[in-house]
mmCIF file of all heavy atoms, coordinates in Angstrom:
data_MODEL
# 
_entry.id   MODEL 
# 
loop_
_atom_site.group_PDB 
_atom_site.id 
_atom_site.type_symbol 
_atom_site.label_atom_id 
_atom_site.label_alt_id 
_atom_site.label_comp_id 
_atom_site.label_asym_id 
_atom_site.label_entity_id 
_atom_site.label_seq_id 
_atom_site.pdbx_PDB_ins_code 
_atom_site.Cartn_x 
_atom_site.Cartn_y 
_atom_site.Cartn_z 
_atom_site.occupancy 
_atom_site.B_iso_or_equiv 
_atom_site.pdbx_formal_charge 
_atom_site.auth_seq_id 
_atom_site.auth_comp_id 
_atom_site.auth_asym_id 
_atom_site.auth_atom_id 
_atom_site.pdbx_PDB_model_num 
ATOM 1   N N   . PRO A 1 1  ? 54.337 -63.204 -26.850 1.00 0.00 ? 1  PRO A N   1 
ATOM 2   C CA  . PRO A 1 1  ? 52.881 -62.728 -26.767 1.00 0.00 ? 1  PRO A CA  1 
ATOM 3   C C   . PRO A 1 1  ? 52.621 -61.529 -27.670 1.00 0.00 ? 1  PRO A C   1 
ATOM 4   O O   . PRO A 1 1  ? 53.486 -60.684 -27.893 1.00 0.00 ? 1  PRO A O   1 
ATOM 5   C CB  . PRO A 1 1  ? 52.738 -62.307 -25.283 1.00 0.00 ? 1  PRO A CB  1 
ATOM 6   C CG  . PRO A 1 1  ? 53.872 -62.992 -24.562 1.00 0.00 ? 1  PRO A CG  1 
ATOM 7   C CD  . PRO A 1 1  ? 55.005 -63.069 -25.576 1.00 0.00 ? 1  PRO A CD  1 
ATOM 8   N N   . LEU A 1 2  ? 51.457 -61.553 -28.277 1.00 0.00 ? 2  LEU A N   1 
ATOM 9   C CA  . LEU A 1 2  ? 51.018 -60.409 -29.099 1.00 0.00 ? 2  LEU A CA  1 
ATOM 10  C C   . LEU A 1 2  ? 50.340 -59.450 -28.203 1.00 0.00 ? 2  LEU A C   1 
ATOM 11  O O   . LEU A 1 2  ? 49.185 -59.409 -27.906 1.00 0.00 ? 2  LEU A O   1 
ATOM 12  C CB  . LEU A 1 2  ? 50.075 -60.888 -30.163 1.00 0.00 ? 2  LEU A CB  1 
ATOM 13  C CG  . LEU A 1 2  ? 49.496 -59.836 -31.170 1.00 0.00 ? 2  LEU A CG  1 
ATOM 14  C CD1 . LEU A 1 2  ? 50.625 -59.043 -31.821 1.00 0.00 ? 2  LEU A CD1 1 
ATOM 15  C CD2 . LEU A 1 2  ? 48.616 -60.524 -32.196 1.00 0.00 ? 2  LEU A CD2 1 
ATOM 16  N N   . VAL A 1 3  ? 51.193 -58.509 -27.687 1.00 0.00 ? 3  VAL A N   1 
ATOM 17  C CA  . VAL A 1 3  ? 50.695 -57.617 -26.602 1.00 0.00 ? 3  VAL A CA  1 
ATOM 18  C C   . VAL A 1 3  ? 51.497 -56.305 -26.659 1.00 0.00 ? 3  VAL A C   1 
ATOM 19  O O   . VAL A 1 3  ? 52.601 -56.235 -27.242 1.00 0.00 ? 3  VAL A O   1 
ATOM 20  C CB  . VAL A 1 3  ? 50.886 -58.295 -25.258 1.00 0.00 ? 3  VAL A CB  1 
ATOM 21  C CG1 . VAL A 1 3  ? 52.361 -58.450 -24.863 1.00 0.00 ? 3  VAL A CG1 1 
ATOM 22  C CG2 . VAL A 1 3  ? 50.141 -57.618 -24.129 1.00 0.00 ? 3  VAL A CG2 1 
ATOM 23  N N   . ASP A 1 4  ? 50.894 -55.266 -26.053 1.00 0.00 ? 4  ASP A N   1 
ATOM 24  C CA  . ASP A 1 4  ? 51.451 -53.920 -25.946 1.00 0.00 ? 4  ASP A CA  1 
ATOM 25  C C   . ASP A 1 4  ? 51.838 -53.331 -27.285 1.00 0.00 ? 4  ASP A C   1 
ATOM 26  O O   . ASP A 1 4  ? 52.955 -52.984 -27.684 1.00 0.00 ? 4  ASP A O   1 
ATOM 27  C CB  . ASP A 1 4  ? 52.735 -53.950 -25.077 1.00 0.00 ? 4  ASP A CB  1 
ATOM 28  C CG  . ASP A 1 4  ? 52.383 -54.244 -23.637 1.00 0.00 ? 4  ASP A CG  1 
ATOM 29  O OD1 . ASP A 1 4  ? 51.382 -53.872 -23.171 1.00 0.00 ? 4  ASP A OD1 1 
ATOM 30  O OD2 . ASP A 1 4  ? 53.218 -54.862 -22.881 1.00 0.00 ? 4  ASP A OD2 1 
ATOM 31  N N   . TYR A 1 5  ? 50.820 -53.205 -28.105 1.00 0.00 ? 5  TYR A N   1 
ATOM 32  C CA  . TYR A 1 5  ? 50.868 -52.570 -29.431 1.00 0.00 ? 5  TYR A CA  1 
ATOM 33  C C   . TYR A 1 5  ? 49.590 -51.839 -29.733 1.00 0.00 ? 5  TYR A C   1 
ATOM 34  O O   . TYR A 1 5  ? 48.605 -52.007 -29.000 1.00 0.00 ? 5  TYR A O   1 
ATOM 35  C CB  . TYR A 1 5  ? 51.184 -53.607 -30.535 1.00 0.00 ? 5  TYR A CB  1 
ATOM 36  C CG  . TYR A 1 5  ? 50.019 -54.577 -30.822 1.00 0.00 ? 5  TYR A CG  1 
ATOM 37  C CD1 . TYR A 1 5  ? 49.340 -54.507 -32.041 1.00 0.00 ? 5  TYR A CD1 1 
ATOM 38  C CD2 . TYR A 1 5  ? 49.712 -55.577 -29.920 1.00 0.00 ? 5  TYR A CD2 1 
ATOM 39  C CE1 . TYR A 1 5  ? 48.312 -55.375 -32.267 1.00 0.00 ? 5  TYR A CE1 1 
ATOM 40  C CE2 . TYR A 1 5  ? 48.668 -56.458 -30.216 1.00 0.00 ? 5  TYR A CE2 1 
ATOM 41  C CZ  . TYR A 1 5  ? 47.968 -56.306 -31.397 1.00 0.00 ? 5  TYR A CZ  1 
ATOM 42  O OH  . TYR A 1 5  ? 46.905 -57.246 -31.605 1.00 0.00 ? 5  TYR A OH  1 
ATOM 43  N N   . ASP A 1 6  ? 49.564 -51.022 -30.737 1.00 0.00 ? 6  ASP A N   1 
ATOM 44  C CA  . ASP A 1 6  ? 48.391 -50.193 -31.073 1.00 0.00 ? 6  ASP A CA  1 
ATOM 45  C C   . ASP A 1 6  ? 47.516 -51.000 -32.025 1.00 0.00 ? 6  ASP A C   1 
ATOM 46  O O   . ASP A 1 6  ? 47.838 -51.128 -33.191 1.00 0.00 ? 6  ASP A O   1 
ATOM 47  C CB  . ASP A 1 6  ? 48.877 -48.884 -31.675 1.00 0.00 ? 6  ASP A CB  1 
ATOM 48  C CG  . ASP A 1 6  ? 47.697 -47.908 -31.956 1.00 0.00 ? 6  ASP A CG  1 
ATOM 49  O OD1 . ASP A 1 6  ? 46.535 -48.288 -31.779 1.00 0.00 ? 6  ASP A OD1 1 
ATOM 50  O OD2 . ASP A 1 6  ? 47.964 -46.772 -32.369 1.00 0.00 ? 6  ASP A OD2 1 
ATOM 51  N N   . LEU A 1 7  ? 46.403 -51.451 -31.533 1.00 0.00 ? 7  LEU A N   1 
ATOM 52  C CA  . LEU A 1 7  ? 45.418 -52.235 -32.347 1.00 0.00 ? 7  LEU A CA  1 
ATOM 53  C C   . LEU A 1 7  ? 44.775 -51.406 -33.419 1.00 0.00 ? 7  LEU A C   1 
ATOM 54  O O   . LEU A 1 7  ? 44.139 -51.926 -34.351 1.00 0.00 ? 7  LEU A O   1 
ATOM 55  C CB  . LEU A 1 7  ? 44.386 -52.831 -31.421 1.00 0.00 ? 7  LEU A CB  1 
ATOM 56  C CG  . LEU A 1 7  ? 44.550 -54.302 -31.164 1.00 0.00 ? 7  LEU A CG  1 
ATOM 57  C CD1 . LEU A 1 7  ? 43.574 -54.783 -30.094 1.00 0.00 ? 7  LEU A CD1 1 
ATOM 58  C CD2 . LEU A 1 7  ? 44.326 -55.150 -32.445 1.00 0.00 ? 7  LEU A CD2 1 
ATOM 59  N N   . ALA A 1 8  ? 44.918 -50.065 -33.368 1.00 0.00 ? 8  ALA A N   1 
ATOM 60  C CA  . ALA A 1 8  ? 44.346 -49.163 -34.392 1.00 0.00 ? 8  ALA A CA  1 
ATOM 61  C C   . ALA A 1 8  ? 45.191 -49.139 -35.613 1.00 0.00 ? 8  ALA A C   1 
ATOM 62  O O   . ALA A 1 8  ? 44.723 -48.636 -36.738 1.00 0.00 ? 8  ALA A O   1 
ATOM 63  C CB  . ALA A 1 8  ? 44.152 -47.774 -33.867 1.00 0.00 ? 8  ALA A CB  1 
ATOM 64  N N   . GLU A 1 9  ? 46.416 -49.668 -35.582 1.00 0.00 ? 9  GLU A N   1 
ATOM 65  C CA  . GLU A 1 9  ? 47.294 -49.637 -36.740 1.00 0.00 ? 9  GLU A CA  1 
ATOM 66  C C   . GLU A 1 9  ? 46.945 -50.749 -37.700 1.00 0.00 ? 9  GLU A C   1 
ATOM 67  O O   . GLU A 1 9  ? 47.652 -51.719 -37.899 1.00 0.00 ? 9  GLU A O   1 
ATOM 68  C CB  . GLU A 1 9  ? 48.773 -49.753 -36.251 1.00 0.00 ? 9  GLU A CB  1 
ATOM 69  C CG  . GLU A 1 9  ? 49.304 -48.516 -35.654 1.00 0.00 ? 9  GLU A CG  1 
ATOM 70  C CD  . GLU A 1 9  ? 49.454 -47.364 -36.626 1.00 0.00 ? 9  GLU A CD  1 
ATOM 71  O OE1 . GLU A 1 9  ? 49.485 -47.618 -37.846 1.00 0.00 ? 9  GLU A OE1 1 
ATOM 72  O OE2 . GLU A 1 9  ? 49.510 -46.197 -36.149 1.00 0.00 ? 9  GLU A OE2 1 
ATOM 73  N N   . GLN A 1 10 ? 45.739 -50.592 -38.278 1.00 0.00 ? 10 GLN A N   1 
ATOM 74  C CA  . GLN A 1 10 ? 45.271 -51.544 -39.231 1.00 0.00 ? 10 GLN A CA  1 
ATOM 75  C C   . GLN A 1 10 ? 44.813 -50.810 -40.538 1.00 0.00 ? 10 GLN A C   1 
ATOM 76  O O   . GLN A 1 10 ? 43.952 -49.968 -40.493 1.00 0.00 ? 10 GLN A O   1 
ATOM 77  C CB  . GLN A 1 10 ? 44.055 -52.324 -38.681 1.00 0.00 ? 10 GLN A CB  1 
ATOM 78  C CG  . GLN A 1 10 ? 44.371 -53.071 -37.393 1.00 0.00 ? 10 GLN A CG  1 
ATOM 79  C CD  . GLN A 1 10 ? 43.244 -53.935 -36.888 1.00 0.00 ? 10 GLN A CD  1 
ATOM 80  O OE1 . GLN A 1 10 ? 42.739 -54.774 -37.597 1.00 0.00 ? 10 GLN A OE1 1 
ATOM 81  N NE2 . GLN A 1 10 ? 42.825 -53.695 -35.650 1.00 0.00 ? 10 GLN A NE2 1 
ATOM 82  N N   . PRO A 1 11 ? 45.541 -51.052 -41.598 1.00 0.00 ? 11 PRO A N   1 
ATOM 83  C CA  . PRO A 1 11 ? 45.339 -50.255 -42.838 1.00 0.00 ? 11 PRO A CA  1 
ATOM 84  C C   . PRO A 1 11 ? 43.845 -50.142 -43.253 1.00 0.00 ? 11 PRO A C   1 
ATOM 85  O O   . PRO A 1 11 ? 43.378 -49.111 -43.681 1.00 0.00 ? 11 PRO A O   1 
ATOM 86  C CB  . PRO A 1 11 ? 46.198 -50.977 -43.865 1.00 0.00 ? 11 PRO A CB  1 
ATOM 87  C CG  . PRO A 1 11 ? 47.289 -51.559 -43.065 1.00 0.00 ? 11 PRO A CG  1 
ATOM 88  C CD  . PRO A 1 11 ? 46.658 -52.071 -41.807 1.00 0.00 ? 11 PRO A CD  1 
ATOM 89  N N   . VAL A 1 12 ? 43.141 -51.287 -43.213 1.00 0.00 ? 12 VAL A N   1 
ATOM 90  C CA  . VAL A 1 12 ? 41.772 -51.203 -43.675 1.00 0.00 ? 12 VAL A CA  1 
ATOM 91  C C   . VAL A 1 12 ? 40.886 -50.289 -42.945 1.00 0.00 ? 12 VAL A C   1 
ATOM 92  O O   . VAL A 1 12 ? 39.981 -49.603 -43.510 1.00 0.00 ? 12 VAL A O   1 
ATOM 93  C CB  . VAL A 1 12 ? 41.170 -52.677 -43.687 1.00 0.00 ? 12 VAL A CB  1 
ATOM 94  C CG1 . VAL A 1 12 ? 40.952 -53.160 -42.308 1.00 0.00 ? 12 VAL A CG1 1 
ATOM 95  C CG2 . VAL A 1 12 ? 39.884 -52.686 -44.484 1.00 0.00 ? 12 VAL A CG2 1 
ATOM 96  N N   . ILE A 1 13 ? 41.130 -50.100 -41.626 1.00 0.00 ? 13 ILE A N   1 
ATOM 97  C CA  . ILE A 1 13 ? 40.420 -49.153 -40.809 1.00 0.00 ? 13 ILE A CA  1 
ATOM 98  C C   . ILE A 1 13 ? 40.836 -47.768 -41.033 1.00 0.00 ? 13 ILE A C   1 
ATOM 99  O O   . ILE A 1 13 ? 39.985 -46.815 -41.246 1.00 0.00 ? 13 ILE A O   1 
ATOM 100 C CB  . ILE A 1 13 ? 40.474 -49.545 -39.301 1.00 0.00 ? 13 ILE A CB  1 
ATOM 101 C CG1 . ILE A 1 13 ? 39.927 -50.915 -39.045 1.00 0.00 ? 13 ILE A CG1 1 
ATOM 102 C CG2 . ILE A 1 13 ? 39.784 -48.510 -38.423 1.00 0.00 ? 13 ILE A CG2 1 
ATOM 103 C CD1 . ILE A 1 13 ? 40.027 -51.385 -37.619 1.00 0.00 ? 13 ILE A CD1 1 
ATOM 104 N N   . LEU A 1 14 ? 42.117 -47.502 -41.022 1.00 0.00 ? 14 LEU A N   1 
ATOM 105 C CA  . LEU A 1 14 ? 42.604 -46.145 -41.191 1.00 0.00 ? 14 LEU A CA  1 
ATOM 106 C C   . LEU A 1 14 ? 42.263 -45.637 -42.625 1.00 0.00 ? 14 LEU A C   1 
ATOM 107 O O   . LEU A 1 14 ? 41.901 -44.449 -42.743 1.00 0.00 ? 14 LEU A O   1 
ATOM 108 C CB  . LEU A 1 14 ? 44.139 -46.175 -41.036 1.00 0.00 ? 14 LEU A CB  1 
ATOM 109 C CG  . LEU A 1 14 ? 44.632 -46.589 -39.617 1.00 0.00 ? 14 LEU A CG  1 
ATOM 110 C CD1 . LEU A 1 14 ? 46.145 -46.625 -39.578 1.00 0.00 ? 14 LEU A CD1 1 
ATOM 111 C CD2 . LEU A 1 14 ? 44.072 -45.638 -38.553 1.00 0.00 ? 14 LEU A CD2 1 
ATOM 112 N N   . GLU A 1 15 ? 42.374 -46.482 -43.583 1.00 0.00 ? 15 GLU A N   1 
ATOM 113 C CA  . GLU A 1 15 ? 42.022 -46.075 -44.971 1.00 0.00 ? 15 GLU A CA  1 
ATOM 114 C C   . GLU A 1 15 ? 40.571 -45.687 -45.080 1.00 0.00 ? 15 GLU A C   1 
ATOM 115 O O   . GLU A 1 15 ? 40.114 -44.746 -45.787 1.00 0.00 ? 15 GLU A O   1 
ATOM 116 C CB  . GLU A 1 15 ? 42.439 -47.167 -45.979 1.00 0.00 ? 15 GLU A CB  1 
ATOM 117 C CG  . GLU A 1 15 ? 43.907 -47.262 -46.129 1.00 0.00 ? 15 GLU A CG  1 
ATOM 118 C CD  . GLU A 1 15 ? 44.286 -48.575 -46.747 1.00 0.00 ? 15 GLU A CD  1 
ATOM 119 O OE1 . GLU A 1 15 ? 43.441 -49.374 -47.221 1.00 0.00 ? 15 GLU A OE1 1 
ATOM 120 O OE2 . GLU A 1 15 ? 45.504 -48.841 -46.823 1.00 0.00 ? 15 GLU A OE2 1 
ATOM 121 N N   . ALA A 1 16 ? 39.689 -46.468 -44.401 1.00 0.00 ? 16 ALA A N   1 
ATOM 122 C CA  . ALA A 1 16 ? 38.211 -46.175 -44.422 1.00 0.00 ? 16 ALA A CA  1 
ATOM 123 C C   . ALA A 1 16 ? 37.932 -44.768 -43.873 1.00 0.00 ? 16 ALA A C   1 
ATOM 124 O O   . ALA A 1 16 ? 37.086 -44.046 -44.387 1.00 0.00 ? 16 ALA A O   1 
ATOM 125 C CB  . ALA A 1 16 ? 37.449 -47.244 -43.717 1.00 0.00 ? 16 ALA A CB  1 
ATOM 126 N N   . LEU A 1 17 ? 38.546 -44.465 -42.749 1.00 0.00 ? 17 LEU A N   1 
ATOM 127 C CA  . LEU A 1 17 ? 38.322 -43.130 -42.121 1.00 0.00 ? 17 LEU A CA  1 
ATOM 128 C C   . LEU A 1 17 ? 38.843 -42.032 -42.978 1.00 0.00 ? 17 LEU A C   1 
ATOM 129 O O   . LEU A 1 17 ? 38.141 -41.033 -43.193 1.00 0.00 ? 17 LEU A O   1 
ATOM 130 C CB  . LEU A 1 17 ? 38.973 -43.100 -40.735 1.00 0.00 ? 17 LEU A CB  1 
ATOM 131 C CG  . LEU A 1 17 ? 38.318 -43.977 -39.624 1.00 0.00 ? 17 LEU A CG  1 
ATOM 132 C CD1 . LEU A 1 17 ? 39.209 -43.927 -38.435 1.00 0.00 ? 17 LEU A CD1 1 
ATOM 133 C CD2 . LEU A 1 17 ? 36.933 -43.573 -39.367 1.00 0.00 ? 17 LEU A CD2 1 
ATOM 134 N N   . ARG A 1 18 ? 39.970 -42.240 -43.568 1.00 0.00 ? 18 ARG A N   1 
ATOM 135 C CA  . ARG A 1 18 ? 40.544 -41.134 -44.431 1.00 0.00 ? 18 ARG A CA  1 
ATOM 136 C C   . ARG A 1 18 ? 39.709 -40.976 -45.690 1.00 0.00 ? 18 ARG A C   1 
ATOM 137 O O   . ARG A 1 18 ? 39.500 -39.859 -46.191 1.00 0.00 ? 18 ARG A O   1 
ATOM 138 C CB  . ARG A 1 18 ? 42.055 -41.447 -44.708 1.00 0.00 ? 18 ARG A CB  1 
ATOM 139 C CG  . ARG A 1 18 ? 42.934 -41.408 -43.533 1.00 0.00 ? 18 ARG A CG  1 
ATOM 140 C CD  . ARG A 1 18 ? 44.415 -41.555 -43.884 1.00 0.00 ? 18 ARG A CD  1 
ATOM 141 N NE  . ARG A 1 18 ? 45.259 -41.380 -42.737 1.00 0.00 ? 18 ARG A NE  1 
ATOM 142 C CZ  . ARG A 1 18 ? 45.970 -42.442 -42.195 1.00 0.00 ? 18 ARG A CZ  1 
ATOM 143 N NH1 . ARG A 1 18 ? 45.922 -43.636 -42.741 1.00 0.00 ? 18 ARG A NH1 1 
ATOM 144 N NH2 . ARG A 1 18 ? 46.703 -42.219 -41.124 1.00 0.00 ? 18 ARG A NH2 1 
ATOM 145 N N   . ARG A 1 19 ? 39.261 -42.089 -46.224 1.00 0.00 ? 19 ARG A N   1 
ATOM 146 C CA  . ARG A 1 19 ? 38.495 -42.036 -47.475 1.00 0.00 ? 19 ARG A CA  1 
ATOM 147 C C   . ARG A 1 19 ? 37.137 -41.268 -47.254 1.00 0.00 ? 19 ARG A C   1 
ATOM 148 O O   . ARG A 1 19 ? 36.683 -40.564 -48.137 1.00 0.00 ? 19 ARG A O   1 
ATOM 149 C CB  . ARG A 1 19 ? 38.181 -43.506 -47.920 1.00 0.00 ? 19 ARG A CB  1 
ATOM 150 C CG  . ARG A 1 19 ? 37.426 -43.596 -49.238 1.00 0.00 ? 19 ARG A CG  1 
ATOM 151 C CD  . ARG A 1 19 ? 37.539 -45.025 -49.729 1.00 0.00 ? 19 ARG A CD  1 
ATOM 152 N NE  . ARG A 1 19 ? 36.901 -46.037 -48.889 1.00 0.00 ? 19 ARG A NE  1 
ATOM 153 C CZ  . ARG A 1 19 ? 37.600 -46.966 -48.260 1.00 0.00 ? 19 ARG A CZ  1 
ATOM 154 N NH1 . ARG A 1 19 ? 38.900 -47.082 -48.379 1.00 0.00 ? 19 ARG A NH1 1 
ATOM 155 N NH2 . ARG A 1 19 ? 36.944 -47.882 -47.496 1.00 0.00 ? 19 ARG A NH2 1 
ATOM 156 N N   . ALA A 1 20 ? 36.596 -41.402 -46.043 1.00 0.00 ? 20 ALA A N   1 
ATOM 157 C CA  . ALA A 1 20 ? 35.321 -40.698 -45.744 1.00 0.00 ? 20 ALA A CA  1 
ATOM 158 C C   . ALA A 1 20 ? 35.529 -39.249 -45.265 1.00 0.00 ? 20 ALA A C   1 
ATOM 159 O O   . ALA A 1 20 ? 34.570 -38.558 -45.094 1.00 0.00 ? 20 ALA A O   1 
ATOM 160 C CB  . ALA A 1 20 ? 34.558 -41.460 -44.695 1.00 0.00 ? 20 ALA A CB  1 
ATOM 161 N N   . GLY A 1 21 ? 36.856 -38.874 -45.053 1.00 0.00 ? 21 GLY A N   1 
ATOM 162 C CA  . GLY A 1 21 ? 37.076 -37.521 -44.529 1.00 0.00 ? 21 GLY A CA  1 
ATOM 163 C C   . GLY A 1 21 ? 36.903 -37.489 -43.020 1.00 0.00 ? 21 GLY A C   1 
ATOM 164 O O   . GLY A 1 21 ? 36.546 -36.406 -42.501 1.00 0.00 ? 21 GLY A O   1 
ATOM 165 N N   . ALA A 1 22 ? 37.089 -38.594 -42.297 1.00 0.00 ? 22 ALA A N   1 
ATOM 166 C CA  . ALA A 1 22 ? 36.951 -38.641 -40.885 1.00 0.00 ? 22 ALA A CA  1 
ATOM 167 C C   . ALA A 1 22 ? 38.268 -38.644 -40.109 1.00 0.00 ? 22 ALA A C   1 
ATOM 168 O O   . ALA A 1 22 ? 38.399 -39.290 -39.101 1.00 0.00 ? 22 ALA A O   1 
ATOM 169 C CB  . ALA A 1 22 ? 36.107 -39.861 -40.520 1.00 0.00 ? 22 ALA A CB  1 
ATOM 170 N N   . GLU A 1 23 ? 39.220 -37.903 -40.633 1.00 0.00 ? 23 GLU A N   1 
ATOM 171 C CA  . GLU A 1 23 ? 40.577 -37.883 -39.956 1.00 0.00 ? 23 GLU A CA  1 
ATOM 172 C C   . GLU A 1 23 ? 40.467 -37.354 -38.527 1.00 0.00 ? 23 GLU A C   1 
ATOM 173 O O   . GLU A 1 23 ? 41.394 -37.605 -37.677 1.00 0.00 ? 23 GLU A O   1 
ATOM 174 C CB  . GLU A 1 23 ? 41.516 -37.014 -40.781 1.00 0.00 ? 23 GLU A CB  1 
ATOM 175 C CG  . GLU A 1 23 ? 41.980 -37.575 -42.144 1.00 0.00 ? 23 GLU A CG  1 
ATOM 176 C CD  . GLU A 1 23 ? 41.029 -37.147 -43.214 1.00 0.00 ? 23 GLU A CD  1 
ATOM 177 O OE1 . GLU A 1 23 ? 39.952 -36.648 -42.983 1.00 0.00 ? 23 GLU A OE1 1 
ATOM 178 O OE2 . GLU A 1 23 ? 41.469 -37.306 -44.441 1.00 0.00 ? 23 GLU A OE2 1 
ATOM 179 N N   . HIS A 1 24 ? 39.462 -36.553 -38.243 1.00 0.00 ? 24 HIS A N   1 
ATOM 180 C CA  . HIS A 1 24 ? 39.274 -36.025 -36.889 1.00 0.00 ? 24 HIS A CA  1 
ATOM 181 C C   . HIS A 1 24 ? 39.175 -37.105 -35.846 1.00 0.00 ? 24 HIS A C   1 
ATOM 182 O O   . HIS A 1 24 ? 39.432 -36.870 -34.670 1.00 0.00 ? 24 HIS A O   1 
ATOM 183 C CB  . HIS A 1 24 ? 38.079 -35.091 -36.804 1.00 0.00 ? 24 HIS A CB  1 
ATOM 184 C CG  . HIS A 1 24 ? 36.767 -35.846 -37.044 1.00 0.00 ? 24 HIS A CG  1 
ATOM 185 N ND1 . HIS A 1 24 ? 36.267 -36.073 -38.292 1.00 0.00 ? 24 HIS A ND1 1 
ATOM 186 C CD2 . HIS A 1 24 ? 35.947 -36.415 -36.190 1.00 0.00 ? 24 HIS A CD2 1 
ATOM 187 C CE1 . HIS A 1 24 ? 35.154 -36.714 -38.216 1.00 0.00 ? 24 HIS A CE1 1 
ATOM 188 N NE2 . HIS A 1 24 ? 34.885 -36.939 -36.919 1.00 0.00 ? 24 HIS A NE2 1 
ATOM 189 N N   . ALA A 1 25 ? 38.837 -38.345 -36.254 1.00 0.00 ? 25 ALA A N   1 
ATOM 190 C CA  . ALA A 1 25 ? 38.647 -39.420 -35.305 1.00 0.00 ? 25 ALA A CA  1 
ATOM 191 C C   . ALA A 1 25 ? 39.922 -40.218 -35.045 1.00 0.00 ? 25 ALA A C   1 
ATOM 192 O O   . ALA A 1 25 ? 39.892 -41.092 -34.146 1.00 0.00 ? 25 ALA A O   1 
ATOM 193 C CB  . ALA A 1 25 ? 37.553 -40.411 -35.876 1.00 0.00 ? 25 ALA A CB  1 
# 
């Protein structure tokens, strides 16, 4: 099963936040 992992670990999302300067989120 694809379960019990961090769904936020997605490069396209993390890179978008860092690119905008939204690391606080």
